[in-house]
Amino acid sequence: EHCYEISFHLHPSVIAEEEGSEIALKKDGKILLKLASTEKLPFTIEEGWYSREYGHKEPTCVIRFKHHARGETHLNFELKI
């Protein structure tokens, strides 16, 4: 069995908010897009880091999807604009 982790590090000006099985990505209170796993994978929204250049890092949100599977696996994501 394998554990797959897919992480999306957001720009510091973007926040992530859970909306059911989707994640709304917002800037200045407006939804930019929604992110979802077509397999309805469990996810967490965590604190992490964003680096725009070497030696510089800023706190940001990280969206992390996890999946445990055996054999060949396909993981798909939707971006809704």
Protein backbone atom coordinates (compact mmCIF):
# COMPACT_ATOMS: atom_id res chain seq x y z
CA GLU A 1 0.00 0.00 0.00
CA HIS A 2 1.20 3.51 -0.83
CA CYS A 3 0.38 6.82 0.78
CA TYR A 4 0.05 9.67 -1.71
CA GLU A 5 0.18 13.30 -0.59
CA ILE A 6 -0.50 16.14 -2.99
CA SER A 7 0.19 19.65 -1.68
CA PHE A 8 -0.87 23.00 -3.11
CA HIS A 9 1.10 25.93 -1.65
CA LEU A 10 -0.88 29.13 -2.08
CA HIS A 11 0.38 32.65 -2.64
CA PRO A 12 0.31 34.52 0.70
CA SER A 13 -2.43 36.86 -0.55
CA VAL A 14 -4.79 33.90 -1.14
CA ILE A 15 -6.70 32.15 1.63
CA ALA A 16 -8.36 28.74 1.53
CA GLU A 17 -11.76 28.00 3.07
CA GLU A 18 -13.47 24.62 3.21
CA GLU A 19 -16.88 24.49 1.54
CA GLY A 20 -18.08 20.91 1.87
CA SER A 21 -15.95 18.71 -0.39
CA GLU A 22 -14.51 21.77 -2.17
CA ILE A 23 -12.02 24.44 -1.19
CA ALA A 24 -12.72 28.06 -2.07
CA LEU A 25 -9.59 30.07 -2.84
CA LYS A 26 -10.20 33.71 -1.98
CA LYS A 27 -8.39 37.01 -2.32
CA ASP A 28 -9.74 40.20 -0.77
CA GLY A 29 -12.91 38.31 0.19
CA LYS A 30 -13.72 37.28 -3.39
CA ILE A 31 -13.64 33.71 -4.65
CA LEU A 32 -10.97 33.26 -7.32
CA LEU A 33 -11.74 29.60 -7.93
CA LYS A 34 -12.76 26.38 -6.23
CA LEU A 35 -10.55 23.31 -5.96
CA ALA A 36 -11.89 19.78 -5.55
CA SER A 37 -10.69 16.21 -5.84
CA THR A 38 -12.91 14.25 -8.21
CA GLU A 39 -12.34 11.22 -5.95
CA LYS A 40 -13.49 13.25 -2.88
CA LEU A 41 -10.13 12.71 -1.18
CA PRO A 42 -9.78 13.92 2.39
CA PHE A 43 -7.82 17.15 2.73
CA THR A 44 -6.42 19.50 5.31
CA ILE A 45 -5.68 23.21 5.17
CA GLU A 46 -2.42 23.79 7.00
CA GLU A 47 0.08 26.51 7.73
CA GLY A 48 3.11 26.42 5.49
CA TRP A 49 5.59 28.49 3.56
CA TYR A 50 5.80 30.32 0.25
CA SER A 51 9.12 31.33 -1.27
CA ARG A 52 9.25 33.87 -4.10
CA GLU A 53 13.04 33.75 -4.18
CA TYR A 54 15.95 31.93 -2.58
CA GLY A 55 16.41 32.81 1.07
CA HIS A 56 13.01 34.46 1.45
CA LYS A 57 9.94 32.75 2.87
CA GLU A 58 6.51 33.94 3.94
CA PRO A 59 3.76 32.13 5.86
CA THR A 60 0.90 30.88 3.72
CA CYS A 61 -1.81 28.22 3.46
CA VAL A 62 -1.07 24.74 2.15
CA ILE A 63 -3.85 22.46 0.95
CA ARG A 64 -2.87 18.82 1.41
CA PHE A 65 -4.76 15.86 -0.05
CA LYS A 66 -3.97 12.31 1.15
CA HIS A 67 -4.82 8.98 -0.41
CA HIS A 68 -3.85 5.38 0.42
CA ALA A 69 -3.97 2.87 -2.43
CA ARG A 70 -2.49 -0.28 -3.91
CA GLY A 71 -1.46 -0.68 -7.51
CA GLU A 72 -2.08 1.85 -10.24
CA THR A 73 -3.76 5.02 -9.03
CA HIS A 74 -5.20 8.07 -10.78
CA LEU A 75 -5.80 11.24 -8.80
CA ASN A 76 -7.75 14.02 -10.50
CA PHE A 77 -8.57 17.54 -9.43
CA GLU A 78 -11.09 20.11 -10.66
CA LEU A 79 -10.62 23.85 -10.78
CA LYS A 80 -13.92 25.67 -10.97
CA ILE A 81 -13.75 29.26 -12.11
